[in-house]
Amino acid sequence: MYRLVFAGNDGRLYDHHSLRATGRTGDRFVELAGDDLEKLPAGASLVLVPGGKPVGITSSGRFTLLKNNPWQKGPVWAVGALLPQGFTRVLLPAYSRDKSDKPLPLFGYTAVACRDGELYAAARSTDDPRRWDPAFYDTGELPALVKEKLERYPVNRILRQLAHCSLDYHCYTAQNIFYGRWEGGIPVSPSCNSDCLGCISLQISECCPSPQTRINFTPTPEEVAEAAIPHLQRDGGSIISFGQGCEGEPSLAARTLVQSIEKIREVTGLGTINMNSNAGHKENIATICRAGLDAIRVSMISAREDTYNAYHRPSDFGLSDVRQSIKYATARGVCTSLNLLVFPGLTDREEEFAAILNLVRDTGINMIQLRNLNIDPEHLLRCLPAGSGNIIGIPEMIESLREVPSLAVGNFSRPVR
């Protein structure tokens, strides 16, 4: 039996003596079973769900709200896990919150359970996380590396921004620029042409405060090249990525990107130039692809128009424009990935999954990168149209994707040069 895990007001973690562990898919509670769970991955963090009261299930199958700690007086709190890179969430935690509470912070809460004294998470290992192991980041040498690079390039605003992202936000792609390895992020655009519900850099209403702020300048091509060229030259398998969490939509800075790519490729042919994008501005996407973009990763919650529009809230484009951008990129030989925002009970609905498969087959997408959607479930579901159809489950969805010929499935961008 997998036992319900909860926290007491003494800060300790407990497993219930009789209530079984539960999770949530969409708006439904389910009992956690062995097929749903893996041992809690190294690097995962256990966190309280603010205001959440845990829900367990009795041996007779009745869902029960746990209000008090059986071992001590005082309130109890629901617990979730924040997964490390390379793991995809299967189920959300099951809890109840007061309707008047503000939406949860933008985290990817995952259901947890306990059996025989060991903790488990409702997750699947879906990629090799070695390069994203927390042990490789926030090392003791990082501040000195940041200082050294800023001294070498004292007027480069991108590097100053990345220093802030590295040391204050602990962003791994920002830190990689200073470590000189793997995938390094380079923000280029302060503006965006969509208003995504789960945007991590700008929440106008602050209903669920963003964990980081957006850049407030447009860098010059010289600044971009200055940050990118040493990174690409140091390791032939390195990647630079435009379109980071601390910026808007990079394709809106198409002129800057085209000139930046030209400057980079005048000096080095090494490494992969990637862009993370919503792909809505199809003319700019085409221009950037022609300039020599190697790879593009397109973020999307759904390939169904009503769901897509409700979440992404585009200002001047539609899903048909995104589809055309993807087709153009694949036709140009640009390695094209779908950054699929995964939410249990939505992404794995039959009609949603069928639409994703149709998009893959119609456009020739090379890879699907699974991305746990960080958002309050109640807030999300209130904003989306009501779903229909059966839920096939995240594990089955992943296995079905892996059966699609010539489609890679994972979590991370790959070098293509």
Protein backbone atom coordinates (compact mmCIF):
# COMPACT_ATOMS: atom_id res chain seq x y z
CA MET A 1 0.00 0.00 0.00
CA TYR A 2 1.22 3.49 -0.86
CA ARG A 3 0.46 5.74 2.08
CA LEU A 4 -0.69 9.35 2.08
CA VAL A 5 2.14 11.81 2.73
CA PHE A 6 1.47 15.11 4.50
CA ALA A 7 3.23 17.76 6.56
CA GLY A 8 2.48 18.82 10.12
CA ASN A 9 2.77 22.31 11.54
CA ASP A 10 6.00 21.19 13.22
CA GLY A 11 7.68 21.11 9.81
CA ARG A 12 7.94 17.32 9.79
CA LEU A 13 6.84 14.95 7.05
CA TYR A 14 4.38 12.15 7.94
CA ASP A 15 2.83 9.17 6.23
CA HIS A 16 -0.68 8.26 7.33
CA HIS A 17 -1.26 4.97 9.13
CA SER A 18 -4.42 4.04 7.18
CA LEU A 19 -5.16 6.52 4.37
CA ARG A 20 -3.75 5.60 0.99
CA ALA A 21 -2.00 8.03 -1.33
CA THR A 22 -3.93 9.86 -4.02
CA GLY A 23 -3.20 12.02 -7.03
CA ARG A 24 -5.14 14.16 -9.43
CA THR A 25 -5.66 14.12 -13.18
CA GLY A 26 -7.54 17.11 -14.52
CA ASP A 27 -10.39 17.65 -12.09
CA ARG A 28 -10.50 14.05 -10.77
CA PHE A 29 -8.87 12.36 -7.80
CA VAL A 30 -7.39 8.87 -8.26
CA GLU A 31 -5.61 6.40 -6.01
CA LEU A 32 -1.87 6.14 -6.65
CA ALA A 33 -0.74 2.74 -7.86
CA GLY A 34 2.65 1.23 -8.56
CA ASP A 35 2.40 1.94 -12.31
CA ASP A 36 2.11 5.65 -11.55
CA LEU A 37 5.16 5.90 -9.32
CA GLU A 38 8.95 5.93 -9.30
CA LYS A 39 11.20 6.33 -6.29
CA LEU A 40 11.65 10.02 -5.54
CA PRO A 41 14.43 11.10 -7.94
CA ALA A 42 17.66 12.56 -6.65
CA GLY A 43 17.42 16.33 -6.93
CA ALA A 44 13.65 16.45 -6.34
CA SER A 45 12.36 18.92 -3.75
CA LEU A 46 9.47 18.30 -1.37
CA VAL A 47 7.31 21.39 -0.84
CA LEU A 48 4.10 22.36 0.88
CA VAL A 49 1.09 23.16 -1.28
CA PRO A 50 0.14 26.59 0.14
CA GLY A 51 -3.29 26.38 1.75
CA GLY A 52 -3.77 22.80 0.52
CA LYS A 53 -5.40 20.19 2.74
CA PRO A 54 -4.36 16.64 1.77
CA VAL A 55 -6.87 14.15 0.36
CA GLY A 56 -6.39 10.43 0.98
CA ILE A 57 -8.46 7.37 0.20
CA THR A 58 -9.72 4.76 2.65
CA SER A 59 -9.41 1.01 2.19
CA SER A 60 -13.07 1.01 1.12
CA GLY A 61 -12.36 3.49 -1.66
CA ARG A 62 -13.72 6.72 -0.14
CA PHE A 63 -11.79 9.94 -0.71
CA THR A 64 -11.25 11.70 2.61
CA LEU A 65 -10.01 15.18 3.48
CA LEU A 66 -7.40 15.02 6.23
CA LYS A 67 -7.92 17.94 8.60
CA ASN A 68 -5.84 17.05 11.65
CA ASN A 69 -2.59 15.30 12.37
CA PRO A 70 -3.26 11.90 14.01
CA TRP A 71 0.03 12.16 15.96
CA GLN A 72 -0.11 15.72 17.23
CA LYS A 73 -2.48 18.64 17.56
CA GLY A 74 -2.51 21.21 14.79
CA PRO A 75 -3.20 21.59 11.09
CA VAL A 76 -1.82 19.49 8.26
CA TRP A 77 -0.72 20.48 4.77
CA ALA A 78 -0.64 18.78 1.40
CA VAL A 79 2.80 17.97 0.01
CA GLY A 80 4.08 17.84 -3.53
CA ALA A 81 7.39 17.17 -5.25
CA LEU A 82 9.18 19.49 -7.66
CA LEU A 83 10.88 17.19 -10.14
CA PRO A 84 14.42 17.58 -11.43
CA GLN A 85 15.17 17.86 -15.14
CA GLY A 86 14.58 14.72 -17.17
CA PHE A 87 11.40 13.60 -15.37
CA THR A 88 7.83 14.05 -16.57
CA ARG A 89 4.96 14.40 -14.11
CA VAL A 90 2.26 11.74 -14.29
CA LEU A 91 -0.22 13.01 -11.68
CA LEU A 92 -0.81 16.17 -9.65
CA PRO A 93 -1.17 16.12 -5.86
CA ALA A 94 -4.69 15.67 -4.50
CA TYR A 95 -5.73 18.41 -2.10
CA SER A 96 -8.47 20.90 -1.32
CA ARG A 97 -7.98 24.67 -1.06
CA ASP A 98 -10.28 27.50 -0.10
CA LYS A 99 -11.76 29.09 -3.21
CA SER A 100 -10.79 32.52 -1.94
CA ASP A 101 -7.07 31.64 -1.86
CA LYS A 102 -4.82 33.24 -4.45
CA PRO A 103 -3.55 30.95 -7.23
CA LEU A 104 -0.56 28.81 -6.35
CA PRO A 105 2.98 29.88 -7.30
CA LEU A 106 4.12 28.79 -10.76
CA PHE A 107 5.59 25.42 -9.76
CA GLY A 108 5.07 21.93 -11.17
CA TYR A 109 3.63 20.21 -8.09
CA THR A 110 3.74 16.40 -8.42
CA ALA A 111 1.90 13.77 -6.36
CA VAL A 112 3.98 11.86 -3.80
CA ALA A 113 3.48 8.73 -1.71
CA CYS A 114 5.29 6.58 0.87
CA ARG A 115 5.78 2.83 1.06
CA ASP A 116 8.00 0.93 3.50
CA GLY A 117 9.63 4.17 4.62
CA GLU A 118 10.60 5.27 1.09
CA LEU A 119 9.18 8.20 -0.86
CA TYR A 120 7.79 7.91 -4.37
CA ALA A 121 6.73 10.48 -6.97
CA ALA A 122 4.12 10.21 -9.73
CA ALA A 123 6.69 10.64 -12.48
CA ARG A 124 8.45 9.01 -15.41
CA SER A 125 12.11 9.24 -16.31
CA THR A 126 11.98 10.52 -19.89
CA ASP A 127 15.50 11.74 -20.70
CA ASP A 128 19.11 11.45 -19.60
CA PRO A 129 19.48 14.19 -16.98
CA ARG A 130 23.25 14.01 -16.53
CA ARG A 131 24.02 17.41 -18.05
CA TRP A 132 21.26 18.96 -15.92
CA ASP A 133 22.27 17.33 -12.65
CA PRO A 134 22.14 20.03 -9.93
CA ALA A 135 25.62 18.90 -8.84
CA PHE A 136 27.03 20.58 -11.95
CA TYR A 137 25.47 23.96 -11.15
CA ASP A 138 25.78 26.64 -8.48
CA THR A 139 29.29 25.38 -7.79
CA GLY A 140 31.77 27.28 -5.67
CA GLU A 141 33.65 28.49 -8.76
CA LEU A 142 30.61 30.10 -10.41
CA PRO A 143 30.90 33.61 -8.86
CA ALA A 144 34.53 33.84 -9.98
CA LEU A 145 33.64 32.71 -13.51
CA VAL A 146 30.89 35.33 -13.67
CA LYS A 147 33.22 38.04 -12.42
CA GLU A 148 35.93 37.06 -14.89
CA LYS A 149 33.61 37.20 -17.90
CA LEU A 150 32.04 40.50 -16.87
CA GLU A 151 35.51 42.00 -16.50
CA ARG A 152 36.43 40.74 -19.96
CA TYR A 153 33.24 42.19 -21.51
CA PRO A 154 32.36 45.13 -19.24
CA VAL A 155 29.74 46.79 -21.47
CA ASN A 156 27.87 43.69 -22.63
CA ARG A 157 24.32 43.99 -21.28
CA ILE A 158 23.42 40.39 -22.11
CA LEU A 159 26.21 39.06 -19.94
CA ARG A 160 25.15 41.35 -17.09
CA GLN A 161 21.61 39.98 -17.43
CA LEU A 162 22.90 36.41 -17.49
CA ALA A 163 25.00 37.09 -14.41
CA HIS A 164 21.82 38.15 -12.61
CA CYS A 165 19.95 35.07 -13.90
CA SER A 166 22.83 32.80 -12.86
CA LEU A 167 23.41 34.08 -9.35
CA ASP A 168 19.92 35.25 -8.35
CA TYR A 169 17.56 32.98 -10.32
CA HIS A 170 19.99 30.02 -10.44
CA CYS A 171 19.14 29.49 -14.12
CA TYR A 172 21.11 26.58 -15.55
CA THR A 173 21.19 27.78 -19.18
CA ALA A 174 22.46 31.16 -17.99
CA GLN A 175 25.13 29.51 -15.86
CA ASN A 176 26.30 27.40 -18.82
CA ILE A 177 27.40 30.58 -20.61
CA PHE A 178 29.86 31.20 -17.76
CA TYR A 179 30.85 27.54 -17.45
CA GLY A 180 31.41 27.48 -21.24
CA ARG A 181 29.54 24.26 -21.97
CA TRP A 182 26.37 22.55 -23.22
CA GLU A 183 23.23 24.67 -23.76
CA GLY A 184 23.59 28.35 -22.97
CA GLY A 185 20.72 30.82 -23.04
CA ILE A 186 20.96 34.26 -24.65
CA PRO A 187 17.90 36.52 -24.20
CA VAL A 188 17.21 39.00 -27.00
CA SER A 189 13.62 40.25 -26.81
CA PRO A 190 11.81 42.27 -24.13
CA SER A 191 8.42 42.04 -25.89
CA CYS A 192 5.98 39.25 -26.69
CA ASN A 193 3.00 38.66 -28.97
CA SER A 194 1.15 36.37 -26.58
CA ASP A 195 0.07 36.48 -22.94
CA CYS A 196 0.42 32.91 -21.70
CA LEU A 197 -1.37 32.00 -18.48
CA GLY A 198 1.79 30.37 -17.10
CA CYS A 199 4.35 32.93 -18.28
CA ILE A 200 7.29 32.87 -15.86
CA SER A 201 8.60 36.34 -16.68
CA LEU A 202 5.50 38.55 -16.88
CA GLN A 203 2.14 38.26 -15.13
CA ILE A 204 0.33 41.56 -15.62
CA SER A 205 -2.32 40.89 -12.99
CA GLU A 206 0.20 39.17 -10.67
CA CYS A 207 -2.46 36.56 -9.96
CA CYS A 208 0.40 34.08 -9.66
CA PRO A 209 3.59 36.13 -9.40
CA SER A 210 6.33 35.42 -11.93
CA PRO A 211 9.48 33.89 -10.43
CA GLN A 212 11.71 36.14 -12.55
CA THR A 213 11.63 39.42 -14.44
CA ARG A 214 11.97 40.03 -18.17
CA ILE A 215 14.86 41.86 -19.81
CA ASN A 216 14.07 45.51 -20.50
CA PHE A 217 16.36 46.13 -23.48
CA THR A 218 17.02 44.84 -26.99
CA PRO A 219 20.67 43.84 -27.32
CA THR A 220 22.81 44.69 -30.32
CA PRO A 221 24.03 41.99 -32.72
CA GLU A 222 27.54 42.70 -31.45
CA GLU A 223 26.49 41.92 -27.86
CA VAL A 224 24.84 38.68 -28.97
CA ALA A 225 27.83 37.55 -30.99
CA GLU A 226 30.20 38.47 -28.16
CA ALA A 227 28.30 36.19 -25.79
CA ALA A 228 27.69 33.39 -28.30
CA ILE A 229 30.96 32.90 -30.18
CA PRO A 230 33.21 31.87 -27.25
CA HIS A 231 30.50 29.48 -26.07
CA LEU A 232 30.18 27.76 -29.44
CA GLN A 233 33.93 27.65 -30.07
CA ARG A 234 34.77 26.04 -26.76
CA ASP A 235 32.79 22.86 -27.38
CA GLY A 236 31.62 21.64 -30.79
CA GLY A 237 28.52 20.15 -29.21
CA SER A 238 27.46 23.38 -27.52
CA ILE A 239 24.12 25.08 -28.09
CA ILE A 240 23.11 28.70 -27.79
CA SER A 241 19.39 29.26 -27.36
CA PHE A 242 17.39 32.40 -27.94
CA GLY A 243 14.00 32.56 -26.23
CA GLN A 244 14.63 32.17 -22.50
CA GLY A 245 12.34 32.48 -19.50
CA CYS A 246 13.64 35.98 -18.80
CA GLU A 247 12.51 37.38 -22.17
CA GLY A 248 9.56 37.66 -24.53
CA GLU A 249 9.24 36.22 -28.03
CA PRO A 250 12.65 36.18 -29.78
CA SER A 251 11.28 36.20 -33.32
CA LEU A 252 10.03 39.76 -32.69
CA ALA A 253 13.73 40.72 -32.66
CA ALA A 254 14.25 39.15 -36.10
CA ARG A 255 16.55 41.88 -37.41
CA THR A 256 18.83 41.50 -34.39
CA LEU A 257 18.83 37.72 -34.71
CA VAL A 258 19.58 37.69 -38.43
CA GLN A 259 22.55 40.01 -37.99
CA SER A 260 23.69 38.07 -34.92
CA ILE A 261 23.63 34.73 -36.74
CA GLU A 262 25.58 36.24 -39.63
CA LYS A 263 28.23 37.60 -37.26
CA ILE A 264 28.49 34.29 -35.41
CA ARG A 265 28.84 32.20 -38.57
CA GLU A 266 31.46 34.56 -40.01
CA VAL A 267 33.69 33.47 -37.11
CA THR A 268 32.72 29.86 -36.36
CA GLY A 269 30.72 27.04 -37.86
CA LEU A 270 30.76 25.11 -34.60
CA GLY A 271 27.79 24.46 -32.35
CA THR A 272 24.03 24.69 -32.71
CA ILE A 273 22.07 27.94 -32.91
CA ASN A 274 18.63 27.26 -31.48
CA MET A 275 15.56 29.40 -30.89
CA ASN A 276 12.74 28.73 -28.43
CA SER A 277 9.63 30.38 -29.84
CA ASN A 278 5.85 30.43 -30.06
CA ALA A 279 6.36 30.50 -33.87
CA GLY A 280 3.40 32.81 -34.35
CA HIS A 281 5.15 35.47 -36.45
CA LYS A 282 5.56 33.28 -39.53
CA GLU A 283 7.28 35.93 -41.68
CA ASN A 284 9.96 36.54 -39.05
CA ILE A 285 10.37 32.82 -38.41
CA ALA A 286 11.01 32.28 -42.12
CA THR A 287 13.55 35.13 -42.19
CA ILE A 288 15.45 33.75 -39.19
CA CYS A 289 15.46 30.23 -40.63
CA ARG A 290 16.94 31.53 -43.90
CA ALA A 291 19.65 33.34 -41.94
CA GLY A 292 21.06 30.02 -40.76
CA LEU A 293 19.08 28.91 -37.70
CA ASP A 294 19.96 25.29 -36.90
CA ALA A 295 17.08 24.34 -34.61
CA ILE A 296 13.77 25.70 -33.35
CA ARG A 297 11.68 24.57 -30.38
CA VAL A 298 8.03 25.62 -30.51
CA SER A 299 6.12 25.88 -27.21
CA MET A 300 2.52 24.68 -27.25
CA ILE A 301 -0.04 23.49 -24.73
CA SER A 302 -2.43 22.10 -27.31
CA ALA A 303 -2.84 21.58 -31.05
CA ARG A 304 -6.58 22.31 -30.70
CA GLU A 305 -7.42 25.92 -31.44
CA ASP A 306 -9.82 26.65 -28.57
CA THR A 307 -7.45 25.24 -25.93
CA TYR A 308 -4.42 26.85 -27.55
CA ASN A 309 -6.01 30.30 -27.66
CA ALA A 310 -7.33 30.10 -24.10
CA TYR A 311 -3.87 29.39 -22.69
CA HIS A 312 -1.47 31.27 -24.99
CA ARG A 313 -3.81 34.23 -25.66
CA PRO A 314 -1.99 35.32 -28.85
CA SER A 315 -2.30 38.97 -29.84
CA ASP A 316 -1.92 38.84 -33.63
CA PHE A 317 -1.57 35.22 -34.77
CA GLY A 318 -3.33 31.88 -34.63
CA LEU A 319 -2.54 28.20 -34.49
CA SER A 320 -2.60 28.01 -38.29
CA ASP A 321 0.31 30.50 -38.39
CA VAL A 322 2.26 28.34 -35.94
CA ARG A 323 1.63 25.28 -38.10
CA GLN A 324 2.88 27.13 -41.20
CA SER A 325 6.03 28.23 -39.34
CA ILE A 326 6.80 24.65 -38.34
CA LYS A 327 6.28 23.42 -41.89
CA TYR A 328 8.59 26.10 -43.24
CA ALA A 329 11.30 25.28 -40.71
CA THR A 330 11.23 21.55 -41.42
CA ALA A 331 11.24 22.19 -45.18
CA ARG A 332 14.39 24.32 -44.72
CA GLY A 333 16.09 21.48 -42.84
CA VAL A 334 15.87 23.24 -39.47
CA CYS A 335 15.64 20.66 -36.69
CA THR A 336 12.18 21.27 -35.24
CA SER A 337 11.00 20.31 -31.76
CA LEU A 338 7.67 20.75 -30.06
CA ASN A 339 7.98 22.01 -26.48
CA LEU A 340 4.82 20.27 -25.28
CA LEU A 341 3.48 21.75 -22.03
CA VAL A 342 2.27 18.65 -20.23
CA PHE A 343 -0.62 18.78 -17.77
CA PRO A 344 -2.15 15.51 -16.50
CA GLY A 345 -5.80 15.29 -17.42
CA LEU A 346 -5.42 17.69 -20.35
CA THR A 347 -2.48 16.66 -22.54
CA ASP A 348 -3.42 12.98 -22.24
CA ARG A 349 -7.07 13.40 -23.25
CA GLU A 350 -7.85 11.43 -26.39
CA GLU A 351 -8.84 14.45 -28.47
CA GLU A 352 -5.79 16.44 -27.35
CA PHE A 353 -3.41 13.60 -28.09
CA ALA A 354 -4.98 12.97 -31.50
CA ALA A 355 -4.46 16.64 -32.39
CA ILE A 356 -0.77 16.49 -31.39
CA LEU A 357 -0.25 13.36 -33.51
CA ASN A 358 -1.92 15.10 -36.45
CA LEU A 359 0.40 18.10 -36.04
CA VAL A 360 3.48 15.86 -35.91
CA ARG A 361 2.50 13.96 -39.04
CA ASP A 362 1.42 17.07 -40.96
CA THR A 363 4.50 19.18 -40.25
CA GLY A 364 7.32 16.64 -39.93
CA ILE A 365 8.34 17.65 -36.39
CA ASN A 366 11.59 15.91 -35.43
CA MET A 367 11.21 15.78 -31.65
CA ILE A 368 8.75 16.29 -28.82
CA GLN A 369 10.24 17.73 -25.65
CA LEU A 370 7.95 17.08 -22.68
CA ARG A 371 7.76 20.05 -20.30
CA ASN A 372 5.88 19.92 -16.99
CA LEU A 373 3.48 22.87 -16.97
CA ASN A 374 4.01 25.01 -13.87
CA ILE A 375 0.62 26.45 -12.97
CA ASP A 376 -2.18 26.25 -10.41
CA PRO A 377 -4.52 23.46 -11.63
CA GLU A 378 -7.68 25.29 -10.56
CA HIS A 379 -6.59 28.52 -12.22
CA LEU A 380 -5.73 26.70 -15.44
CA LEU A 381 -8.93 24.68 -15.65
CA ARG A 382 -11.08 27.74 -14.97
CA CYS A 383 -9.52 29.44 -17.99
CA LEU A 384 -9.67 26.54 -20.46
CA PRO A 385 -12.71 25.21 -22.33
CA ALA A 386 -14.21 22.07 -20.85
CA GLY A 387 -12.56 18.92 -22.16
CA SER A 388 -14.19 15.74 -23.34
CA GLY A 389 -13.09 12.23 -24.19
CA ASN A 390 -11.24 9.65 -22.19
CA ILE A 391 -7.96 10.25 -20.38
CA ILE A 392 -5.39 7.73 -21.61
CA GLY A 393 -2.80 8.61 -18.94
CA ILE A 394 0.58 10.30 -19.29
CA PRO A 395 2.59 7.01 -19.34
CA GLU A 396 0.52 5.60 -22.19
CA MET A 397 0.73 8.91 -24.03
CA ILE A 398 4.53 8.86 -23.78
CA GLU A 399 4.74 5.28 -25.03
CA SER A 400 2.44 6.07 -27.96
CA LEU A 401 4.62 9.02 -28.94
CA ARG A 402 7.70 6.80 -28.86
CA GLU A 403 6.05 4.51 -31.40
CA VAL A 404 5.80 7.29 -34.00
CA PRO A 405 8.49 6.65 -36.67
CA SER A 406 11.36 9.17 -36.81
CA LEU A 407 10.05 11.11 -33.79
CA ALA A 408 12.41 11.57 -30.85
CA VAL A 409 10.82 11.96 -27.41
CA GLY A 410 12.60 13.47 -24.43
CA ASN A 411 13.00 16.65 -22.40
CA PHE A 412 16.08 18.46 -23.71
CA SER A 413 17.33 20.11 -26.88
CA ARG A 414 19.99 18.19 -28.78
CA PRO A 415 23.00 19.56 -30.69
CA VAL A 416 22.51 19.20 -34.43
CA ARG A 417 26.01 20.30 -35.47
